[in-house]
Amino acid sequence: MKELILVIAKALVDHPDRVQVNVKEDDRGTVYELSVHPEDIGKIIGKQGRIAKAMRTVVTSAAVKSQKRVIVDIMS
Protein backbone atom coordinates (compact mmCIF):
# COMPACT_ATOMS: atom_id res chain seq x y z
CA MET A 1 0.00 0.00 0.00
CA LYS A 2 2.83 2.37 0.88
CA GLU A 3 4.41 1.80 -2.54
CA LEU A 4 1.11 2.53 -4.28
CA ILE A 5 0.79 5.88 -2.50
CA LEU A 6 4.41 6.74 -3.32
CA VAL A 7 3.98 5.98 -7.02
CA ILE A 8 0.81 8.06 -7.32
CA ALA A 9 2.20 11.01 -5.36
CA LYS A 10 5.56 11.09 -7.14
CA ALA A 11 3.79 11.22 -10.50
CA LEU A 12 1.85 14.33 -9.45
CA VAL A 13 4.47 16.57 -7.81
CA ASP A 14 7.38 18.74 -8.97
CA HIS A 15 9.66 17.56 -6.12
CA PRO A 16 9.36 13.72 -6.15
CA ASP A 17 12.44 13.37 -3.96
CA ARG A 18 10.57 15.07 -1.08
CA VAL A 19 7.64 12.61 -1.06
CA GLN A 20 7.48 10.46 2.08
CA VAL A 21 4.92 8.06 3.49
CA ASN A 22 4.86 7.15 7.18
CA VAL A 23 2.72 4.25 8.37
CA LYS A 24 0.99 4.26 11.75
CA GLU A 25 -1.44 1.88 13.36
CA ASP A 26 -4.12 3.49 15.46
CA ASP A 27 -7.65 2.80 16.67
CA ARG A 28 -9.08 3.95 13.32
CA GLY A 29 -6.99 1.45 11.33
CA THR A 30 -3.81 1.83 9.31
CA VAL A 31 -2.95 5.49 8.75
CA TYR A 32 -0.65 6.48 5.90
CA GLU A 33 0.74 9.99 6.37
CA LEU A 34 1.77 11.46 3.03
CA SER A 35 4.31 14.28 3.29
CA VAL A 36 5.28 16.42 0.29
CA HIS A 37 7.16 19.64 -0.40
CA PRO A 38 5.04 22.67 0.64
CA GLU A 39 4.85 23.88 -2.97
CA ASP A 40 3.28 20.55 -4.00
CA ILE A 41 0.41 20.46 -1.51
CA GLY A 42 -2.00 21.99 -4.02
CA LYS A 43 -1.10 19.41 -6.65
CA ILE A 44 -1.75 16.54 -4.25
CA ILE A 45 -5.05 17.97 -3.03
CA GLY A 46 -6.31 19.23 -6.40
CA LYS A 47 -9.22 21.52 -7.13
CA GLN A 48 -11.91 21.02 -4.50
CA GLY A 49 -9.96 18.02 -3.19
CA ARG A 50 -10.65 15.86 -6.24
CA ILE A 51 -7.15 14.39 -6.56
CA ALA A 52 -6.91 13.64 -2.83
CA LYS A 53 -10.33 11.99 -2.92
CA ALA A 54 -9.38 9.91 -5.97
CA MET A 55 -6.13 8.81 -4.31
CA ARG A 56 -8.00 7.79 -1.16
CA THR A 57 -10.52 5.86 -3.27
CA VAL A 58 -7.78 3.92 -5.08
CA VAL A 59 -5.97 3.09 -1.82
CA THR A 60 -9.20 2.06 -0.08
CA SER A 61 -10.13 -0.16 -3.03
CA ALA A 62 -6.71 -1.81 -2.98
CA ALA A 63 -7.08 -2.46 0.77
CA VAL A 64 -10.37 -4.34 0.40
CA LYS A 65 -8.55 -7.66 0.01
CA SER A 66 -6.79 -7.26 3.35
CA GLN A 67 -10.07 -6.30 5.06
CA LYS A 68 -8.38 -3.49 6.99
CA ARG A 69 -9.46 0.10 7.24
CA VAL A 70 -6.97 2.41 5.51
CA ILE A 71 -6.71 6.18 5.94
CA VAL A 72 -4.53 8.56 3.91
CA ASP A 73 -3.61 11.82 5.65
CA ILE A 74 -1.86 14.56 3.67
CA MET A 75 0.80 16.54 5.54
CA SER A 76 2.94 19.46 4.42
PDB file of N, CA and C in Angstrom:
ATOM      1  N   MET A   1       0.817  -1.188   0.000  1.00  0.00           N
ATOM      2  CA  MET A   1       0.000   0.000   0.000  1.00  0.00           C
ATOM      3  C   MET A   1       0.867   1.262   0.000  1.00  0.00           C
ATOM      4  N   LYS A   2       1.922   1.230   0.800  1.00  0.00           N
ATOM      5  CA  LYS A   2       2.830   2.372   0.877  1.00  0.00           C
ATOM      6  C   LYS A   2       3.432   2.665  -0.493  1.00  0.00           C
ATOM      7  N   GLU A   3       3.813   1.627  -1.221  1.00  0.00           N
ATOM      8  CA  GLU A   3       4.409   1.801  -2.539  1.00  0.00           C
ATOM      9  C   GLU A   3       3.409   2.404  -3.516  1.00  0.00           C
ATOM     10  N   LEU A   4       2.152   1.994  -3.415  1.00  0.00           N
ATOM     11  CA  LEU A   4       1.106   2.533  -4.277  1.00  0.00           C
ATOM     12  C   LEU A   4       0.953   4.033  -4.060  1.00  0.00           C
ATOM     13  N   ILE A   5       0.908   4.459  -2.820  1.00  0.00           N
ATOM     14  CA  ILE A   5       0.785   5.882  -2.501  1.00  0.00           C
ATOM     15  C   ILE A   5       1.998   6.649  -3.016  1.00  0.00           C
ATOM     16  N   LEU A   6       3.190   6.084  -2.834  1.00  0.00           N
ATOM     17  CA  LEU A   6       4.409   6.741  -3.321  1.00  0.00           C
ATOM     18  C   LEU A   6       4.394   6.922  -4.836  1.00  0.00           C
ATOM     19  N   VAL A   7       4.002   5.906  -5.558  1.00  0.00           N
ATOM     20  CA  VAL A   7       3.977   5.977  -7.022  1.00  0.00           C
ATOM     21  C   VAL A   7       2.999   7.045  -7.496  1.00  0.00           C
ATOM     22  N   ILE A   8       1.821   7.071  -6.923  1.00  0.00           N
ATOM     23  CA  ILE A   8       0.810   8.055  -7.319  1.00  0.00           C
ATOM     24  C   ILE A   8       1.289   9.465  -7.001  1.00  0.00           C
ATOM     25  N   ALA A   9       1.786   9.671  -5.793  1.00  0.00           N
ATOM     26  CA  ALA A   9       2.201  11.007  -5.361  1.00  0.00           C
ATOM     27  C   ALA A   9       3.394  11.512  -6.160  1.00  0.00           C
ATOM     28  N   LYS A  10       4.372  10.662  -6.396  1.00  0.00           N
ATOM     29  CA  LYS A  10       5.564  11.095  -7.138  1.00  0.00           C
ATOM     30  C   LYS A  10       5.231  11.479  -8.571  1.00  0.00           C
ATOM     31  N   ALA A  11       4.206  10.880  -9.141  1.00  0.00           N
ATOM     32  CA  ALA A  11       3.792  11.225 -10.501  1.00  0.00           C
ATOM     33  C   ALA A  11       3.121  12.590 -10.573  1.00  0.00           C
ATOM     34  N   LEU A  12       2.616  13.082  -9.460  1.00  0.00           N
ATOM     35  CA  LEU A  12       1.854  14.333  -9.455  1.00  0.00           C
ATOM     36  C   LEU A  12       2.677  15.569  -9.103  1.00  0.00           C
ATOM     37  N   VAL A  13       3.773  15.416  -8.378  1.00  0.00           N
ATOM     38  CA  VAL A  13       4.475  16.568  -7.807  1.00  0.00           C
ATOM     39  C   VAL A  13       5.684  17.006  -8.625  1.00  0.00           C
ATOM     40  N   ASP A  14       6.177  18.214  -8.330  1.00  0.00           N
ATOM     41  CA  ASP A  14       7.379  18.743  -8.966  1.00  0.00           C
ATOM     42  C   ASP A  14       8.647  18.321  -8.229  1.00  0.00           C
ATOM     43  N   HIS A  15       8.521  17.957  -6.952  1.00  0.00           N
ATOM     44  CA  HIS A  15       9.663  17.556  -6.123  1.00  0.00           C
ATOM     45  C   HIS A  15       9.455  16.113  -5.650  1.00  0.00           C
ATOM     46  N   PRO A  16       9.624  15.118  -6.555  1.00  0.00           N
ATOM     47  CA  PRO A  16       9.361  13.724  -6.154  1.00  0.00           C
ATOM     48  C   PRO A  16      10.325  13.195  -5.100  1.00  0.00           C
ATOM     49  N   ASP A  17      11.481  13.821  -4.964  1.00  0.00           N
ATOM     50  CA  ASP A  17      12.441  13.368  -3.956  1.00  0.00           C
ATOM     51  C   ASP A  17      11.998  13.720  -2.541  1.00  0.00           C
ATOM     52  N   ARG A  18      11.042  14.631  -2.397  1.00  0.00           N
ATOM     53  CA  ARG A  18      10.566  15.067  -1.080  1.00  0.00           C
ATOM     54  C   ARG A  18       9.291  14.340  -0.640  1.00  0.00           C
ATOM     55  N   VAL A  19       8.848  13.359  -1.406  1.00  0.00           N
ATOM     56  CA  VAL A  19       7.636  12.607  -1.056  1.00  0.00           C
ATOM     57  C   VAL A  19       8.004  11.515  -0.058  1.00  0.00           C
ATOM     58  N   GLN A  20       7.265  11.469   1.054  1.00  0.00           N
ATOM     59  CA  GLN A  20       7.484  10.456   2.081  1.00  0.00           C
ATOM     60  C   GLN A  20       6.144   9.930   2.568  1.00  0.00           C
ATOM     61  N   VAL A  21       6.121   8.663   2.926  1.00  0.00           N
ATOM     62  CA  VAL A  21       4.916   8.060   3.490  1.00  0.00           C
ATOM     63  C   VAL A  21       5.302   7.374   4.794  1.00  0.00           C
ATOM     64  N   ASN A  22       4.662   7.784   5.873  1.00  0.00           N
ATOM     65  CA  ASN A  22       4.858   7.155   7.183  1.00  0.00           C
ATOM     66  C   ASN A  22       3.616   6.332   7.509  1.00  0.00           C
ATOM     67  N   VAL A  23       3.829   5.157   8.055  1.00  0.00           N
ATOM     68  CA  VAL A  23       2.721   4.250   8.374  1.00  0.00           C
ATOM     69  C   VAL A  23       2.550   4.187   9.881  1.00  0.00           C
ATOM     70  N   LYS A  24       1.313   4.350  10.326  1.00  0.00           N
ATOM     71  CA  LYS A  24       0.991   4.257  11.749  1.00  0.00           C
ATOM     72  C   LYS A  24      -0.244   3.386  11.920  1.00  0.00           C
ATOM     73  N   GLU A  25      -0.247   2.635  12.975  1.00  0.00           N
ATOM     74  CA  GLU A  25      -1.438   1.875  13.356  1.00  0.00           C
ATOM     75  C   GLU A  25      -2.114   2.644  14.478  1.00  0.00           C
ATOM     76  N   ASP A  26      -3.405   2.851  14.359  1.00  0.00           N
ATOM     77  CA  ASP A  26      -4.124   3.486  15.458  1.00  0.00           C
ATOM     78  C   ASP A  26      -5.518   2.879  15.544  1.00  0.00           C
ATOM     79  N   ASP A  27      -6.339   3.398  16.444  1.00  0.00           N
ATOM     80  CA  ASP A  27      -7.645   2.799  16.666  1.00  0.00           C
ATOM     81  C   ASP A  27      -8.570   2.892  15.456  1.00  0.00           C
ATOM     82  N   ARG A  28      -8.274   3.815  14.526  1.00  0.00           N
ATOM     83  CA  ARG A  28      -9.082   3.953  13.317  1.00  0.00           C
ATOM     84  C   ARG A  28      -8.702   2.932  12.256  1.00  0.00           C
ATOM     85  N   GLY A  29      -7.494   2.379  12.336  1.00  0.00           N
ATOM     86  CA  GLY A  29      -6.990   1.450  11.334  1.00  0.00           C
ATOM     87  C   GLY A  29      -5.560   1.803  10.983  1.00  0.00           C
ATOM     88  N   THR A  30      -5.153   1.495   9.775  1.00  0.00           N
ATOM     89  CA  THR A  30      -3.808   1.832   9.313  1.00  0.00           C
ATOM     90  C   THR A  30      -3.846   3.224   8.699  1.00  0.00           C
ATOM     91  N   VAL A  31      -2.990   4.105   9.210  1.00  0.00           N
ATOM     92  CA  VAL A  31      -2.947   5.488   8.747  1.00  0.00           C
ATOM     93  C   VAL A  31      -1.652   5.692   7.974  1.00  0.00           C
ATOM     94  N   TYR A  32      -1.797   6.144   6.733  1.00  0.00           N
ATOM     95  CA  TYR A  32      -0.648   6.482   5.897  1.00  0.00           C
ATOM     96  C   TYR A  32      -0.558   7.997   5.837  1.00  0.00           C
ATOM     97  N   GLU A  33       0.533   8.550   6.365  1.00  0.00           N
ATOM     98  CA  GLU A  33       0.736   9.993   6.371  1.00  0.00           C
ATOM     99  C   GLU A  33       1.621  10.363   5.191  1.00  0.00           C
ATOM    100  N   LEU A  34       1.056  11.055   4.234  1.00  0.00           N
ATOM    101  CA  LEU A  34       1.770  11.462   3.031  1.00  0.00           C
ATOM    102  C   LEU A  34       2.327  12.861   3.235  1.00  0.00           C
ATOM    103  N   SER A  35       3.645  12.990   3.143  1.00  0.00           N
ATOM    104  CA  SER A  35       4.310  14.283   3.289  1.00  0.00           C
ATOM    105  C   SER A  35       4.932  14.668   1.951  1.00  0.00           C
ATOM    106  N   VAL A  36       4.700  15.912   1.533  1.00  0.00           N
ATOM    107  CA  VAL A  36       5.276  16.419   0.286  1.00  0.00           C
ATOM    108  C   VAL A  36       5.869  17.801   0.522  1.00  0.00           C
ATOM    109  N   HIS A  37       6.606  18.290  -0.447  1.00  0.00           N
ATOM    110  CA  HIS A  37       7.165  19.640  -0.398  1.00  0.00           C
ATOM    111  C   HIS A  37       6.001  20.627  -0.298  1.00  0.00           C
ATOM    112  N   PRO A  38       6.149  21.714   0.482  1.00  0.00           N
ATOM    113  CA  PRO A  38       5.040  22.671   0.643  1.00  0.00           C
ATOM    114  C   PRO A  38       4.494  23.241  -0.673  1.00  0.00           C
ATOM    115  N   GLU A  39       5.330  23.362  -1.689  1.00  0.00           N
ATOM    116  CA  GLU A  39       4.848  23.877  -2.974  1.00  0.00           C
ATOM    117  C   GLU A  39       3.950  22.872  -3.700  1.00  0.00           C
ATOM    118  N   ASP A  40       4.026  21.596  -3.316  1.00  0.00           N
ATOM    119  CA  ASP A  40       3.281  20.545  -4.003  1.00  0.00           C
ATOM    120  C   ASP A  40       1.970  20.167  -3.329  1.00  0.00           C
ATOM    121  N   ILE A  41       1.652  20.793  -2.230  1.00  0.00           N
ATOM    122  CA  ILE A  41       0.412  20.460  -1.508  1.00  0.00           C
ATOM    123  C   ILE A  41      -0.807  20.637  -2.411  1.00  0.00           C
ATOM    124  N   GLY A  42      -0.864  21.730  -3.141  1.00  0.00           N
ATOM    125  CA  GLY A  42      -2.004  21.990  -4.025  1.00  0.00           C
ATOM    126  C   GLY A  42      -2.153  20.950  -5.113  1.00  0.00           C
ATOM    127  N   LYS A  43      -1.046  20.431  -5.596  1.00  0.00           N
ATOM    128  CA  LYS A  43      -1.096  19.413  -6.652  1.00  0.00           C
ATOM    129  C   LYS A  43      -1.602  18.080  -6.111  1.00  0.00           C
ATOM    130  N   ILE A  44      -1.278  17.790  -4.866  1.00  0.00           N
ATOM    131  CA  ILE A  44      -1.749  16.542  -4.252  1.00  0.00           C
ATOM    132  C   ILE A  44      -3.228  16.643  -3.888  1.00  0.00           C
ATOM    133  N   ILE A  45      -3.657  17.795  -3.420  1.00  0.00           N
ATOM    134  CA  ILE A  45      -5.053  17.967  -3.026  1.00  0.00           C
ATOM    135  C   ILE A  45      -5.948  18.161  -4.254  1.00  0.00           C
ATOM    136  N   GLY A  46      -5.528  18.995  -5.190  1.00  0.00           N
ATOM    137  CA  GLY A  46      -6.313  19.232  -6.396  1.00  0.00           C
ATOM    138  C   GLY A  46      -7.446  20.203  -6.156  1.00  0.00           C
ATOM    139  N   LYS A  47      -8.094  20.591  -7.237  1.00  0.00           N
ATOM    140  CA  LYS A  47      -9.223  21.517  -7.132  1.00  0.00           C
ATOM    141  C   LYS A  47     -10.366  20.845  -6.392  1.00  0.00           C
ATOM    142  N   GLN A  48     -10.822  21.506  -5.362  1.00  0.00           N
ATOM    143  CA  GLN A  48     -11.912  21.025  -4.505  1.00  0.00           C
ATOM    144  C   GLN A  48     -11.637  19.636  -3.940  1.00  0.00           C
ATOM    145  N   GLY A  49     -10.343  19.280  -3.803  1.00  0.00           N
ATOM    146  CA  GLY A  49      -9.965  18.018  -3.189  1.00  0.00           C
ATOM    147  C   GLY A  49     -10.169  16.792  -4.055  1.00  0.00           C
ATOM    148  N   ARG A  50     -10.332  16.990  -5.354  1.00  0.00           N
ATOM    149  CA  ARG A  50     -10.648  15.863  -6.238  1.00  0.00           C
ATOM    150  C   ARG A  50      -9.511  14.845  -6.332  1.00  0.00           C
ATOM    151  N   ILE A  51      -8.272  15.316  -6.434  1.00  0.00           N
ATOM    152  CA  ILE A  51      -7.152  14.391  -6.563  1.00  0.00           C
ATOM    153  C   ILE A  51      -6.954  13.617  -5.257  1.00  0.00           C
ATOM    154  N   ALA A  52      -7.046  14.310  -4.127  1.00  0.00           N
ATOM    155  CA  ALA A  52      -6.912  13.639  -2.831  1.00  0.00           C
ATOM    156  C   ALA A  52      -8.011  12.593  -2.651  1.00  0.00           C
ATOM    157  N   LYS A  53      -9.218  12.931  -3.042  1.00  0.00           N
ATOM    158  CA  LYS A  53     -10.333  11.994  -2.924  1.00  0.00           C
ATOM    159  C   LYS A  53     -10.118  10.782  -3.823  1.00  0.00           C
ATOM    160  N   ALA A  54      -9.631  11.014  -5.040  1.00  0.00           N
ATOM    161  CA  ALA A  54      -9.380   9.907  -5.965  1.00  0.00           C
ATOM    162  C   ALA A  54      -8.272   9.000  -5.434  1.00  0.00           C
ATOM    163  N   MET A  55      -7.220   9.606  -4.868  1.00  0.00           N
ATOM    164  CA  MET A  55      -6.127   8.815  -4.312  1.00  0.00           C
ATOM    165  C   MET A  55      -6.631   7.966  -3.146  1.00  0.00           C
ATOM    166  N   ARG A  56      -7.444   8.545  -2.292  1.00  0.00           N
ATOM    167  CA  ARG A  56      -8.000   7.794  -1.159  1.00  0.00           C
ATOM    168  C   ARG A  56      -8.901   6.658  -1.639  1.00  0.00           C
ATOM    169  N   THR A  57      -9.650   6.896  -2.714  1.00  0.00           N
ATOM    170  CA  THR A  57     -10.521   5.857  -3.266  1.00  0.00           C
ATOM    171  C   THR A  57      -9.708   4.686  -3.799  1.00  0.00           C
ATOM    172  N   VAL A  58      -8.627   4.975  -4.530  1.00  0.00           N
ATOM    173  CA  VAL A  58      -7.775   3.921  -5.076  1.00  0.00           C
ATOM    174  C   VAL A  58      -7.151   3.104  -3.951  1.00  0.00           C
ATOM    175  N   VAL A  59      -6.624   3.787  -2.937  1.00  0.00           N
ATOM    176  CA  VAL A  59      -5.969   3.088  -1.825  1.00  0.00           C
ATOM    177  C   VAL A  59      -6.985   2.260  -1.034  1.00  0.00           C
ATOM    178  N   THR A  60      -8.154   2.799  -0.804  1.00  0.00           N
ATOM    179  CA  THR A  60      -9.201   2.063  -0.083  1.00  0.00           C
ATOM    180  C   THR A  60      -9.634   0.829  -0.875  1.00  0.00           C
ATOM    181  N   SER A  61      -9.755   0.981  -2.184  1.00  0.00           N
ATOM    182  CA  SER A  61     -10.132  -0.155  -3.028  1.00  0.00           C
ATOM    183  C   SER A  61      -9.063  -1.240  -3.015  1.00  0.00           C
ATOM    184  N   ALA A  62      -7.799  -0.835  -3.020  1.00  0.00           N
ATOM    185  CA  ALA A  62      -6.709  -1.805  -2.977  1.00  0.00           C
ATOM    186  C   ALA A  62      -6.648  -2.521  -1.626  1.00  0.00           C
ATOM    187  N   ALA A  63      -7.135  -1.881  -0.578  1.00  0.00           N
ATOM    188  CA  ALA A  63      -7.080  -2.460   0.765  1.00  0.00           C
ATOM    189  C   ALA A  63      -8.247  -3.398   1.063  1.00  0.00           C
ATOM    190  N   VAL A  64      -9.196  -3.499   0.158  1.00  0.00           N
ATOM    191  CA  VAL A  64     -10.368  -4.342   0.403  1.00  0.00           C
ATOM    192  C   VAL A  64      -9.969  -5.801   0.610  1.00  0.00           C
ATOM    193  N   LYS A  65      -8.968  -6.263  -0.118  1.00  0.00           N
ATOM    194  CA  LYS A  65      -8.548  -7.661   0.005  1.00  0.00           C
ATOM    195  C   LYS A  65      -8.023  -7.975   1.401  1.00  0.00           C
ATOM    196  N   SER A  66      -7.347  -7.022   2.024  1.00  0.00           N
ATOM    197  CA  SER A  66      -6.787  -7.257   3.353  1.00  0.00           C
ATOM    198  C   SER A  66      -7.816  -7.057   4.465  1.00  0.00           C
ATOM    199  N   GLN A  67      -8.971  -6.539   4.119  1.00  0.00           N
ATOM    200  CA  GLN A  67     -10.068  -6.296   5.056  1.00  0.00           C
ATOM    201  C   GLN A  67      -9.643  -5.430   6.237  1.00  0.00           C
ATOM    202  N   LYS A  68      -8.786  -4.443   5.964  1.00  0.00           N
ATOM    203  CA  LYS A  68      -8.384  -3.494   6.986  1.00  0.00           C
ATOM    204  C   LYS A  68      -8.829  -2.103   6.558  1.00  0.00           C
ATOM    205  N   ARG A  69      -9.107  -1.276   7.523  1.00  0.00           N
ATOM    206  CA  ARG A  69      -9.462   0.101   7.237  1.00  0.00           C
ATOM    207  C   ARG A  69      -8.179   0.888   6.989  1.00  0.00           C
ATOM    208  N   VAL A  70      -8.153   1.663   5.913  1.00  0.00           N
ATOM    209  CA  VAL A  70      -6.974   2.414   5.510  1.00  0.00           C
ATOM    210  C   VAL A  70      -7.340   3.883   5.397  1.00  0.00           C
ATOM    211  N   ILE A  71      -6.497   4.732   5.973  1.00  0.00           N
ATOM    212  CA  ILE A  71      -6.713   6.182   5.943  1.00  0.00           C
ATOM    213  C   ILE A  71      -5.468   6.845   5.385  1.00  0.00           C
ATOM    214  N   VAL A  72      -5.650   7.796   4.466  1.00  0.00           N
ATOM    215  CA  VAL A  72      -4.526   8.557   3.907  1.00  0.00           C
ATOM    216  C   VAL A  72      -4.658   9.994   4.393  1.00  0.00           C
ATOM    217  N   ASP A  73      -3.669  10.437   5.172  1.00  0.00           N
ATOM    218  CA  ASP A  73      -3.606  11.823   5.655  1.00  0.00           C
ATOM    219  C   ASP A  73      -2.528  12.546   4.856  1.00  0.00           C
ATOM    220  N   ILE A  74      -2.818  13.768   4.443  1.00  0.00           N
ATOM    221  CA  ILE A  74      -1.858  14.556   3.674  1.00  0.00           C
ATOM    222  C   ILE A  74      -1.271  15.615   4.582  1.00  0.00           C
ATOM    223  N   MET A  75       0.076  15.595   4.705  1.00  0.00           N
ATOM    224  CA  MET A  75       0.800  16.542   5.545  1.00  0.00           C
ATOM    225  C   MET A  75       1.647  17.442   4.658  1.00  0.00           C
ATOM    226  N   SER A  76       2.041  18.587   5.197  1.00  0.00           N
ATOM    227  CA  SER A  76       2.937  19.459   4.420  1.00  0.00           C
ATOM    228  C   SER A  76       4.368  19.252   4.848  1.00  0.00           C
TER     229      SER A  76
END
